[in-house]
Amino acid sequence: MNRSFRPAVILLALIFLASGGAKLAGLEFEIEAFARWGYPLWFMYLTGIIEVAGAILLLVPRLSALASAGLAAFMLGAIGTHVVHAEWAMLAMATAITLLAARQAWAGRTEIRALASFLDPFRGDSLESR
């Protein structure tokens, strides 16, 4: 990924670390929000784990673009939740985070393709061709 995009990656990592950390710490405002949305408490902790793991993976250069893509997709659930509950300020924030993560994923699409081809068991260099 281009070095000029690194500040955005660090910003995203800080956002997801703070958000996921608040969920894992069981802060009262997170518990109240998940209850208001009708989600079980275990889902709050799962969301926190995904966010913190995503934040860590964002800081691994080889996996940063893939983590950005995963977090952008993950944030679609947050966007849906805020639309359903008419939380417009939170919707704007979730949308901005999603767009920033999607931008990072798009900027690193060649890294994602390279990683996907590396992991593809059917990429053409089977044991028979060795």
N, C-alpha and C. Protein backbone atom coordinates (compact mmCIF):
# COMPACT_ATOMS: atom_id res chain seq x y z
N MET A 1 0.85 -1.18 0.00
CA MET A 1 0.00 0.00 0.00
C MET A 1 0.89 1.23 0.00
N ASN A 2 0.50 2.21 -0.73
CA ASN A 2 1.22 3.46 -0.84
C ASN A 2 1.43 4.09 0.53
N ARG A 3 2.63 4.60 0.77
CA ARG A 3 2.93 5.20 2.08
C ARG A 3 2.06 6.42 2.39
N SER A 4 1.57 7.10 1.37
CA SER A 4 0.75 8.28 1.62
C SER A 4 -0.58 7.91 2.27
N PHE A 5 -0.96 6.64 2.18
CA PHE A 5 -2.20 6.18 2.79
C PHE A 5 -2.00 5.74 4.24
N ARG A 6 -0.77 5.70 4.71
CA ARG A 6 -0.48 5.20 6.06
C ARG A 6 -1.19 5.98 7.18
N PRO A 7 -1.26 7.32 7.12
CA PRO A 7 -1.99 8.03 8.17
C PRO A 7 -3.46 7.59 8.28
N ALA A 8 -4.09 7.32 7.16
CA ALA A 8 -5.48 6.87 7.19
C ALA A 8 -5.58 5.49 7.84
N VAL A 9 -4.61 4.63 7.58
CA VAL A 9 -4.60 3.30 8.18
C VAL A 9 -4.46 3.43 9.70
N ILE A 10 -3.58 4.30 10.14
CA ILE A 10 -3.38 4.50 11.58
C ILE A 10 -4.65 5.07 12.20
N LEU A 11 -5.29 6.02 11.52
CA LEU A 11 -6.55 6.57 12.02
C LEU A 11 -7.61 5.48 12.15
N LEU A 12 -7.75 4.65 11.12
CA LEU A 12 -8.73 3.56 11.17
C LEU A 12 -8.41 2.60 12.31
N ALA A 13 -7.13 2.28 12.47
CA ALA A 13 -6.74 1.36 13.55
C ALA A 13 -7.11 1.93 14.91
N LEU A 14 -6.86 3.22 15.09
CA LEU A 14 -7.21 3.86 16.37
C LEU A 14 -8.72 3.86 16.60
N ILE A 15 -9.48 4.13 15.56
CA ILE A 15 -10.95 4.14 15.67
C ILE A 15 -11.46 2.76 16.07
N PHE A 16 -11.00 1.73 15.35
CA PHE A 16 -11.49 0.38 15.64
C PHE A 16 -10.96 -0.16 16.96
N LEU A 17 -9.76 0.22 17.34
CA LEU A 17 -9.24 -0.19 18.64
C LEU A 17 -10.05 0.44 19.77
N ALA A 18 -10.35 1.72 19.65
CA ALA A 18 -11.14 2.41 20.67
C ALA A 18 -12.56 1.85 20.74
N SER A 19 -13.18 1.69 19.59
CA SER A 19 -14.55 1.19 19.55
C SER A 19 -14.64 -0.25 20.05
N GLY A 20 -13.76 -1.09 19.55
CA GLY A 20 -13.75 -2.49 19.99
C GLY A 20 -13.36 -2.62 21.45
N GLY A 21 -12.41 -1.81 21.88
CA GLY A 21 -12.00 -1.83 23.28
C GLY A 21 -13.13 -1.44 24.22
N ALA A 22 -13.93 -0.47 23.81
CA ALA A 22 -15.08 -0.05 24.63
C ALA A 22 -16.09 -1.19 24.76
N LYS A 23 -16.27 -1.93 23.68
CA LYS A 23 -17.19 -3.07 23.73
C LYS A 23 -16.64 -4.18 24.62
N LEU A 24 -15.37 -4.49 24.45
CA LEU A 24 -14.76 -5.56 25.25
C LEU A 24 -14.68 -5.19 26.73
N ALA A 25 -14.54 -3.91 27.01
CA ALA A 25 -14.51 -3.45 28.41
C ALA A 25 -15.91 -3.42 29.01
N GLY A 26 -16.92 -3.60 28.17
CA GLY A 26 -18.30 -3.59 28.66
C GLY A 26 -18.73 -2.24 29.20
N LEU A 27 -18.29 -1.18 28.51
CA LEU A 27 -18.67 0.15 28.96
C LEU A 27 -20.18 0.32 28.88
N GLU A 28 -20.71 1.05 29.84
CA GLU A 28 -22.16 1.18 30.00
C GLU A 28 -22.85 1.69 28.73
N PHE A 29 -22.26 2.67 28.05
CA PHE A 29 -22.92 3.21 26.86
C PHE A 29 -23.01 2.17 25.75
N GLU A 30 -22.05 1.25 25.67
CA GLU A 30 -22.10 0.18 24.67
C GLU A 30 -23.18 -0.83 25.03
N ILE A 31 -23.24 -1.20 26.30
CA ILE A 31 -24.26 -2.15 26.76
C ILE A 31 -25.65 -1.58 26.49
N GLU A 32 -25.84 -0.30 26.80
CA GLU A 32 -27.13 0.35 26.57
C GLU A 32 -27.48 0.40 25.09
N ALA A 33 -26.49 0.69 24.26
CA ALA A 33 -26.74 0.76 22.82
C ALA A 33 -27.15 -0.60 22.26
N PHE A 34 -26.42 -1.65 22.61
CA PHE A 34 -26.76 -2.97 22.09
C PHE A 34 -28.13 -3.43 22.59
N ALA A 35 -28.46 -3.08 23.83
CA ALA A 35 -29.79 -3.41 24.36
C ALA A 35 -30.87 -2.63 23.61
N ARG A 36 -30.62 -1.35 23.34
CA ARG A 36 -31.58 -0.51 22.61
C ARG A 36 -31.83 -1.07 21.21
N TRP A 37 -30.78 -1.61 20.60
CA TRP A 37 -30.91 -2.16 19.25
C TRP A 37 -31.50 -3.56 19.25
N GLY A 38 -31.62 -4.15 20.42
CA GLY A 38 -32.18 -5.49 20.51
C GLY A 38 -31.17 -6.60 20.26
N TYR A 39 -29.89 -6.29 20.37
CA TYR A 39 -28.85 -7.30 20.16
C TYR A 39 -28.44 -7.91 21.50
N PRO A 40 -28.11 -9.20 21.51
CA PRO A 40 -27.68 -9.82 22.76
C PRO A 40 -26.28 -9.35 23.17
N LEU A 41 -26.00 -9.49 24.44
CA LEU A 41 -24.71 -9.03 24.99
C LEU A 41 -23.53 -9.75 24.34
N TRP A 42 -23.68 -11.03 24.04
CA TRP A 42 -22.57 -11.77 23.42
C TRP A 42 -22.19 -11.15 22.07
N PHE A 43 -23.18 -10.59 21.38
CA PHE A 43 -22.91 -9.98 20.07
C PHE A 43 -22.06 -8.72 20.23
N MET A 44 -22.24 -8.01 21.32
CA MET A 44 -21.40 -6.84 21.59
C MET A 44 -19.94 -7.27 21.75
N TYR A 45 -19.72 -8.35 22.49
CA TYR A 45 -18.35 -8.83 22.70
C TYR A 45 -17.75 -9.37 21.40
N LEU A 46 -18.55 -10.08 20.61
CA LEU A 46 -18.06 -10.57 19.31
C LEU A 46 -17.68 -9.40 18.42
N THR A 47 -18.52 -8.37 18.40
CA THR A 47 -18.23 -7.17 17.61
C THR A 47 -16.93 -6.52 18.08
N GLY A 48 -16.74 -6.46 19.38
CA GLY A 48 -15.50 -5.90 19.94
C GLY A 48 -14.28 -6.69 19.53
N ILE A 49 -14.37 -8.01 19.56
CA ILE A 49 -13.25 -8.87 19.14
C ILE A 49 -12.91 -8.62 17.67
N ILE A 50 -13.94 -8.56 16.83
CA ILE A 50 -13.71 -8.33 15.39
C ILE A 50 -13.07 -6.96 15.17
N GLU A 51 -13.54 -5.95 15.87
CA GLU A 51 -12.99 -4.60 15.69
C GLU A 51 -11.54 -4.51 16.16
N VAL A 52 -11.23 -5.09 17.31
CA VAL A 52 -9.85 -5.05 17.82
C VAL A 52 -8.93 -5.88 16.91
N ALA A 53 -9.38 -7.05 16.50
CA ALA A 53 -8.57 -7.87 15.59
C ALA A 53 -8.33 -7.13 14.27
N GLY A 54 -9.38 -6.49 13.76
CA GLY A 54 -9.24 -5.71 12.53
C GLY A 54 -8.26 -4.57 12.69
N ALA A 55 -8.30 -3.90 13.84
CA ALA A 55 -7.37 -2.80 14.10
C ALA A 55 -5.93 -3.30 14.08
N ILE A 56 -5.70 -4.45 14.69
CA ILE A 56 -4.34 -5.02 14.71
C ILE A 56 -3.90 -5.40 13.30
N LEU A 57 -4.79 -6.04 12.55
CA LEU A 57 -4.45 -6.46 11.18
C LEU A 57 -4.22 -5.27 10.25
N LEU A 58 -4.88 -4.15 10.52
CA LEU A 58 -4.64 -2.95 9.72
C LEU A 58 -3.17 -2.52 9.79
N LEU A 59 -2.53 -2.80 10.90
CA LEU A 59 -1.15 -2.36 11.12
C LEU A 59 -0.12 -3.35 10.57
N VAL A 60 -0.59 -4.48 10.04
CA VAL A 60 0.30 -5.45 9.39
C VAL A 60 0.30 -5.11 7.90
N PRO A 61 1.40 -4.55 7.38
CA PRO A 61 1.38 -4.04 6.00
C PRO A 61 0.85 -5.03 4.96
N ARG A 62 1.22 -6.27 5.04
CA ARG A 62 0.79 -7.24 4.03
C ARG A 62 -0.71 -7.53 4.11
N LEU A 63 -1.30 -7.31 5.28
CA LEU A 63 -2.72 -7.63 5.48
C LEU A 63 -3.60 -6.40 5.62
N SER A 64 -3.01 -5.21 5.57
CA SER A 64 -3.74 -3.98 5.82
C SER A 64 -4.90 -3.76 4.85
N ALA A 65 -4.69 -3.96 3.58
CA ALA A 65 -5.76 -3.73 2.60
C ALA A 65 -6.88 -4.74 2.78
N LEU A 66 -6.53 -5.99 3.04
CA LEU A 66 -7.54 -7.01 3.25
C LEU A 66 -8.33 -6.72 4.53
N ALA A 67 -7.65 -6.29 5.57
CA ALA A 67 -8.33 -5.90 6.81
C ALA A 67 -9.27 -4.72 6.55
N SER A 68 -8.83 -3.76 5.75
CA SER A 68 -9.67 -2.61 5.40
C SER A 68 -10.94 -3.07 4.69
N ALA A 69 -10.79 -4.00 3.76
CA ALA A 69 -11.95 -4.52 3.03
C ALA A 69 -12.91 -5.23 3.98
N GLY A 70 -12.36 -6.06 4.85
CA GLY A 70 -13.20 -6.77 5.81
C GLY A 70 -13.92 -5.83 6.75
N LEU A 71 -13.21 -4.82 7.24
CA LEU A 71 -13.84 -3.87 8.16
C LEU A 71 -14.88 -3.01 7.45
N ALA A 72 -14.62 -2.66 6.20
CA ALA A 72 -15.63 -1.90 5.43
C ALA A 72 -16.91 -2.73 5.29
N ALA A 73 -16.75 -4.00 4.96
CA ALA A 73 -17.92 -4.88 4.84
C ALA A 73 -18.62 -5.04 6.19
N PHE A 74 -17.84 -5.18 7.24
CA PHE A 74 -18.37 -5.34 8.60
C PHE A 74 -19.18 -4.11 9.01
N MET A 75 -18.72 -2.94 8.61
CA MET A 75 -19.39 -1.69 8.97
C MET A 75 -20.76 -1.54 8.30
N LEU A 76 -21.03 -2.32 7.27
CA LEU A 76 -22.36 -2.26 6.65
C LEU A 76 -23.43 -2.65 7.66
N GLY A 77 -23.10 -3.55 8.58
CA GLY A 77 -24.04 -3.90 9.65
C GLY A 77 -24.32 -2.71 10.56
N ALA A 78 -23.28 -1.94 10.88
CA ALA A 78 -23.46 -0.74 11.71
C ALA A 78 -24.33 0.28 10.98
N ILE A 79 -24.07 0.45 9.70
CA ILE A 79 -24.87 1.39 8.92
C ILE A 79 -26.33 0.97 8.93
N GLY A 80 -26.59 -0.30 8.69
CA GLY A 80 -27.96 -0.80 8.72
C GLY A 80 -28.64 -0.58 10.06
N THR A 81 -27.90 -0.83 11.13
CA THR A 81 -28.44 -0.64 12.47
C THR A 81 -28.83 0.82 12.71
N HIS A 82 -27.94 1.72 12.30
CA HIS A 82 -28.23 3.14 12.52
C HIS A 82 -29.38 3.64 11.65
N VAL A 83 -29.54 3.09 10.45
CA VAL A 83 -30.68 3.46 9.61
C VAL A 83 -31.98 2.99 10.24
N VAL A 84 -32.02 1.73 10.65
CA VAL A 84 -33.23 1.15 11.24
C VAL A 84 -33.66 1.91 12.49
N HIS A 85 -32.69 2.39 13.27
CA HIS A 85 -33.01 3.07 14.52
C HIS A 85 -32.96 4.60 14.40
N ALA A 86 -32.88 5.09 13.17
CA ALA A 86 -32.92 6.54 12.89
C ALA A 86 -31.89 7.31 13.71
N GLU A 87 -30.69 6.78 13.81
CA GLU A 87 -29.59 7.45 14.51
C GLU A 87 -28.71 8.13 13.47
N TRP A 88 -29.13 9.30 13.04
CA TRP A 88 -28.54 9.94 11.87
C TRP A 88 -27.11 10.40 12.11
N ALA A 89 -26.79 10.92 13.26
CA ALA A 89 -25.41 11.34 13.52
C ALA A 89 -24.48 10.13 13.53
N MET A 90 -24.92 9.05 14.15
CA MET A 90 -24.11 7.83 14.17
C MET A 90 -24.02 7.21 12.78
N LEU A 91 -25.09 7.36 11.99
CA LEU A 91 -25.08 6.88 10.61
C LEU A 91 -24.01 7.62 9.81
N ALA A 92 -23.95 8.93 9.99
CA ALA A 92 -22.94 9.71 9.27
C ALA A 92 -21.53 9.27 9.65
N MET A 93 -21.30 9.03 10.94
CA MET A 93 -19.99 8.60 11.40
C MET A 93 -19.65 7.22 10.85
N ALA A 94 -20.59 6.29 10.94
CA ALA A 94 -20.36 4.93 10.44
C ALA A 94 -20.11 4.93 8.94
N THR A 95 -20.83 5.78 8.23
CA THR A 95 -20.64 5.87 6.78
C THR A 95 -19.26 6.42 6.44
N ALA A 96 -18.82 7.43 7.16
CA ALA A 96 -17.49 8.00 6.92
C ALA A 96 -16.39 6.97 7.19
N ILE A 97 -16.53 6.22 8.26
CA ILE A 97 -15.55 5.18 8.58
C ILE A 97 -15.56 4.10 7.50
N THR A 98 -16.74 3.72 7.07
CA THR A 98 -16.87 2.70 6.02
C THR A 98 -16.21 3.17 4.73
N LEU A 99 -16.46 4.40 4.35
CA LEU A 99 -15.88 4.94 3.11
C LEU A 99 -14.35 5.02 3.20
N LEU A 100 -13.84 5.41 4.36
CA LEU A 100 -12.39 5.47 4.54
C LEU A 100 -11.79 4.07 4.45
N ALA A 101 -12.42 3.10 5.08
CA ALA A 101 -11.93 1.72 5.02
C ALA A 101 -12.02 1.19 3.59
N ALA A 102 -13.10 1.50 2.89
CA ALA A 102 -13.26 1.05 1.50
C ALA A 102 -12.20 1.70 0.60
N ARG A 103 -11.90 2.95 0.85
CA ARG A 103 -10.86 3.64 0.08
C ARG A 103 -9.51 2.96 0.28
N GLN A 104 -9.23 2.59 1.53
CA GLN A 104 -7.97 1.91 1.82
C GLN A 104 -7.92 0.54 1.14
N ALA A 105 -9.03 -0.16 1.16
CA ALA A 105 -9.08 -1.46 0.49
C ALA A 105 -8.87 -1.31 -1.01
N TRP A 106 -9.51 -0.31 -1.59
CA TRP A 106 -9.37 -0.08 -3.03
C TRP A 106 -7.93 0.29 -3.38
N ALA A 107 -7.33 1.13 -2.56
CA ALA A 107 -5.94 1.53 -2.80
C ALA A 107 -5.00 0.33 -2.71
N GLY A 108 -5.36 -0.67 -1.92
CA GLY A 108 -4.52 -1.85 -1.76
C GLY A 108 -5.03 -3.07 -2.51
N ARG A 109 -5.85 -2.84 -3.52
CA ARG A 109 -6.45 -3.97 -4.24
C ARG A 109 -5.41 -4.88 -4.88
N THR A 110 -4.27 -4.35 -5.30
CA THR A 110 -3.24 -5.22 -5.87
C THR A 110 -2.65 -6.13 -4.80
N GLU A 111 -2.52 -5.62 -3.57
CA GLU A 111 -2.05 -6.47 -2.48
C GLU A 111 -3.06 -7.55 -2.14
N ILE A 112 -4.34 -7.19 -2.20
CA ILE A 112 -5.39 -8.19 -1.93
C ILE A 112 -5.35 -9.27 -3.00
N ARG A 113 -5.22 -8.86 -4.27
CA ARG A 113 -5.14 -9.84 -5.36
C ARG A 113 -3.92 -10.74 -5.21
N ALA A 114 -2.78 -10.14 -4.86
CA ALA A 114 -1.56 -10.93 -4.68
C ALA A 114 -1.72 -11.94 -3.54
N LEU A 115 -2.33 -11.50 -2.46
CA LEU A 115 -2.56 -12.40 -1.33
C LEU A 115 -3.54 -13.50 -1.72
N ALA A 116 -4.59 -13.15 -2.46
CA ALA A 116 -5.58 -14.13 -2.89
C ALA A 116 -4.95 -15.16 -3.83
N SER A 117 -4.10 -14.71 -4.74
CA SER A 117 -3.47 -15.67 -5.66
C SER A 117 -2.46 -16.55 -4.92
N PHE A 118 -1.82 -16.01 -3.90
CA PHE A 118 -0.88 -16.79 -3.11
C PHE A 118 -1.61 -17.89 -2.34
N LEU A 119 -2.81 -17.58 -1.88
CA LEU A 119 -3.58 -18.53 -1.08
C LEU A 119 -4.45 -19.46 -1.92
N ASP A 120 -4.55 -19.21 -3.23
CA ASP A 120 -5.41 -19.99 -4.10
C ASP A 120 -4.78 -21.36 -4.38
N PRO A 121 -5.42 -22.44 -3.93
CA PRO A 121 -4.85 -23.77 -4.16
C PRO A 121 -4.94 -24.22 -5.62
N PHE A 122 -5.72 -23.52 -6.42
CA PHE A 122 -5.91 -23.90 -7.82
C PHE A 122 -5.24 -22.92 -8.77
N ARG A 123 -4.16 -22.30 -8.34
CA ARG A 123 -3.55 -21.24 -9.15
C ARG A 123 -2.71 -21.76 -10.30
N GLY A 124 -2.60 -23.06 -10.49
CA GLY A 124 -1.92 -23.56 -11.67
C GLY A 124 -0.60 -24.23 -11.40
N ASP A 125 0.00 -24.04 -10.28
CA ASP A 125 1.30 -24.69 -10.04
C ASP A 125 1.09 -25.87 -9.09
N SER A 126 0.34 -26.84 -9.58
CA SER A 126 0.04 -28.01 -8.78
C SER A 126 1.29 -28.88 -8.61
N LEU A 127 1.17 -29.89 -7.79
CA LEU A 127 2.30 -30.78 -7.55
C LEU A 127 2.74 -31.50 -8.81
N GLU A 128 1.80 -31.77 -9.72
CA GLU A 128 2.15 -32.46 -10.96
C GLU A 128 3.07 -31.63 -11.83
N SER A 129 2.97 -30.31 -11.77
CA SER A 129 3.78 -29.46 -12.63
C SER A 129 5.14 -29.15 -12.03
N ARG A 130 5.42 -29.67 -10.84
CA ARG A 130 6.72 -29.39 -10.19
C ARG A 130 7.74 -30.39 -10.58
